[in-house]
N, C-alpha and C. Protein backbone atom coordinates (compact mmCIF):
# COMPACT_ATOMS: atom_id res chain seq x y z
N MET A 1 0.83 -1.19 0.00
CA MET A 1 0.00 0.00 0.00
C MET A 1 0.87 1.25 0.00
N LEU A 2 1.95 1.22 0.74
CA LEU A 2 2.84 2.37 0.80
C LEU A 2 3.50 2.63 -0.55
N ALA A 3 3.83 1.57 -1.29
CA ALA A 3 4.48 1.72 -2.59
C ALA A 3 3.55 2.43 -3.58
N CYS A 4 2.26 2.12 -3.55
CA CYS A 4 1.30 2.78 -4.45
C CYS A 4 1.21 4.27 -4.16
N ALA A 5 1.19 4.62 -2.90
CA ALA A 5 1.13 6.04 -2.53
C ALA A 5 2.39 6.76 -2.98
N THR A 6 3.52 6.10 -2.88
CA THR A 6 4.78 6.70 -3.28
C THR A 6 4.83 6.92 -4.79
N ILE A 7 4.36 5.95 -5.56
CA ILE A 7 4.33 6.08 -7.02
C ILE A 7 3.41 7.21 -7.43
N THR A 8 2.27 7.32 -6.78
CA THR A 8 1.32 8.40 -7.06
C THR A 8 1.95 9.74 -6.75
N ASP A 9 2.65 9.83 -5.64
CA ASP A 9 3.32 11.09 -5.28
C ASP A 9 4.39 11.46 -6.30
N VAL A 10 5.14 10.48 -6.77
CA VAL A 10 6.18 10.74 -7.76
C VAL A 10 5.54 11.23 -9.06
N LYS A 11 4.43 10.62 -9.46
CA LYS A 11 3.74 11.06 -10.68
C LYS A 11 3.25 12.49 -10.55
N LYS A 12 2.73 12.85 -9.38
CA LYS A 12 2.27 14.22 -9.16
C LYS A 12 3.44 15.20 -9.24
N ILE A 13 4.55 14.84 -8.61
CA ILE A 13 5.72 15.72 -8.61
C ILE A 13 6.25 15.90 -10.03
N VAL A 14 6.35 14.80 -10.78
CA VAL A 14 6.83 14.89 -12.16
C VAL A 14 5.86 15.73 -13.00
N GLY A 15 4.57 15.56 -12.78
CA GLY A 15 3.58 16.36 -13.51
C GLY A 15 3.74 17.84 -13.24
N TRP A 16 3.94 18.21 -11.98
CA TRP A 16 4.13 19.62 -11.62
C TRP A 16 5.42 20.16 -12.23
N ILE A 17 6.48 19.36 -12.23
CA ILE A 17 7.75 19.80 -12.81
C ILE A 17 7.59 20.05 -14.31
N VAL A 18 6.91 19.14 -14.99
CA VAL A 18 6.68 19.31 -16.43
C VAL A 18 5.86 20.57 -16.69
N LEU A 19 4.81 20.79 -15.90
CA LEU A 19 3.98 21.98 -16.06
C LEU A 19 4.80 23.26 -15.85
N ILE A 20 5.63 23.27 -14.82
CA ILE A 20 6.47 24.43 -14.55
C ILE A 20 7.45 24.67 -15.70
N LEU A 21 8.03 23.61 -16.24
CA LEU A 21 8.97 23.77 -17.36
C LEU A 21 8.27 24.28 -18.61
N VAL A 22 7.05 23.82 -18.86
CA VAL A 22 6.29 24.31 -20.02
C VAL A 22 5.98 25.79 -19.86
N ILE A 23 5.55 26.19 -18.67
CA ILE A 23 5.26 27.61 -18.41
C ILE A 23 6.53 28.44 -18.56
N PHE A 24 7.65 27.93 -18.06
CA PHE A 24 8.93 28.63 -18.19
C PHE A 24 9.32 28.78 -19.66
N TYR A 25 9.14 27.72 -20.44
CA TYR A 25 9.47 27.77 -21.87
C TYR A 25 8.61 28.80 -22.59
N ILE A 26 7.32 28.80 -22.30
CA ILE A 26 6.42 29.77 -22.93
C ILE A 26 6.81 31.19 -22.53
N GLY A 27 7.17 31.38 -21.27
CA GLY A 27 7.54 32.71 -20.80
C GLY A 27 8.84 33.22 -21.37
N THR A 28 9.80 32.33 -21.60
CA THR A 28 11.11 32.77 -22.08
C THR A 28 11.23 32.72 -23.60
N ASN A 29 10.40 31.94 -24.27
CA ASN A 29 10.44 31.82 -25.73
C ASN A 29 9.03 31.90 -26.31
N PRO A 30 8.38 33.05 -26.23
CA PRO A 30 6.98 33.11 -26.67
C PRO A 30 6.80 32.89 -28.17
N GLY A 31 7.77 33.29 -28.99
CA GLY A 31 7.65 33.10 -30.43
C GLY A 31 7.59 31.64 -30.83
N PRO A 32 8.64 30.87 -30.49
CA PRO A 32 8.60 29.44 -30.83
C PRO A 32 7.45 28.70 -30.16
N ALA A 33 7.10 29.11 -28.95
CA ALA A 33 5.99 28.44 -28.26
C ALA A 33 4.68 28.68 -29.00
N SER A 34 4.49 29.88 -29.53
CA SER A 34 3.26 30.15 -30.28
C SER A 34 3.26 29.39 -31.60
N ASP A 35 4.43 29.22 -32.21
CA ASP A 35 4.51 28.42 -33.44
C ASP A 35 4.12 26.97 -33.17
N ILE A 36 4.58 26.44 -32.05
CA ILE A 36 4.24 25.07 -31.68
C ILE A 36 2.74 24.95 -31.44
N ALA A 37 2.18 25.89 -30.69
CA ALA A 37 0.74 25.86 -30.41
C ALA A 37 -0.07 25.99 -31.69
N GLN A 38 0.36 26.85 -32.60
CA GLN A 38 -0.35 27.02 -33.86
C GLN A 38 -0.28 25.74 -34.69
N GLY A 39 0.87 25.10 -34.70
CA GLY A 39 1.02 23.84 -35.43
C GLY A 39 0.12 22.76 -34.88
N ILE A 40 0.05 22.67 -33.57
CA ILE A 40 -0.84 21.68 -32.94
C ILE A 40 -2.29 21.98 -33.29
N GLY A 41 -2.67 23.25 -33.20
CA GLY A 41 -4.04 23.64 -33.54
C GLY A 41 -4.37 23.35 -34.99
N ASP A 42 -3.43 23.62 -35.89
CA ASP A 42 -3.65 23.33 -37.31
C ASP A 42 -3.84 21.84 -37.55
N ASN A 43 -3.03 21.02 -36.88
CA ASN A 43 -3.16 19.57 -37.04
C ASN A 43 -4.49 19.06 -36.52
N ILE A 44 -4.93 19.59 -35.39
CA ILE A 44 -6.22 19.17 -34.83
C ILE A 44 -7.36 19.59 -35.76
N ALA A 45 -7.28 20.82 -36.29
CA ALA A 45 -8.31 21.29 -37.22
C ALA A 45 -8.34 20.43 -38.48
N GLU A 46 -7.19 20.08 -38.99
CA GLU A 46 -7.12 19.24 -40.19
C GLU A 46 -7.70 17.85 -39.92
N MET A 47 -7.45 17.33 -38.73
CA MET A 47 -8.00 16.03 -38.37
C MET A 47 -9.53 16.07 -38.37
N PHE A 48 -10.11 17.12 -37.77
CA PHE A 48 -11.56 17.22 -37.73
C PHE A 48 -12.14 17.49 -39.12
N ARG A 49 -11.42 18.23 -39.97
CA ARG A 49 -11.87 18.41 -41.35
C ARG A 49 -11.91 17.07 -42.08
N GLY A 50 -10.90 16.25 -41.85
CA GLY A 50 -10.86 14.92 -42.46
C GLY A 50 -12.00 14.04 -41.98
N ILE A 51 -12.30 14.10 -40.69
CA ILE A 51 -13.42 13.33 -40.15
C ILE A 51 -14.73 13.82 -40.76
N GLY A 52 -14.88 15.14 -40.89
CA GLY A 52 -16.08 15.70 -41.50
C GLY A 52 -16.22 15.27 -42.95
N THR A 53 -15.12 15.28 -43.69
CA THR A 53 -15.15 14.84 -45.08
C THR A 53 -15.52 13.37 -45.17
N PHE A 54 -14.99 12.56 -44.28
CA PHE A 54 -15.30 11.13 -44.27
C PHE A 54 -16.79 10.91 -44.08
N PHE A 55 -17.37 11.55 -43.07
CA PHE A 55 -18.79 11.35 -42.81
C PHE A 55 -19.66 11.96 -43.90
N SER A 56 -19.21 13.05 -44.49
CA SER A 56 -19.94 13.66 -45.60
C SER A 56 -19.97 12.72 -46.80
N ASN A 57 -18.82 12.13 -47.11
CA ASN A 57 -18.76 11.17 -48.22
C ASN A 57 -19.51 9.89 -47.90
N LEU A 58 -19.53 9.53 -46.65
CA LEU A 58 -20.24 8.33 -46.23
C LEU A 58 -21.75 8.51 -46.39
N ALA A 59 -22.23 9.73 -46.16
CA ALA A 59 -23.67 10.01 -46.25
C ALA A 59 -24.13 10.14 -47.71
N ASP A 60 -23.20 10.44 -48.62
CA ASP A 60 -23.59 10.60 -50.03
C ASP A 60 -23.87 9.30 -50.71
């Protein structure tokens, strides 16, 4: 039981560290960070466009 609590605590700590590093990266490099965010958004939008096209063609 103690080992499970320890693993959970480690996961929480690692999660917080990753979050802090992401915030630090965005704060110190806003240009590249915005390019990354825009790229992710473009990929997600393209994925949903593809799904919409699939269902549109499926209905025809």
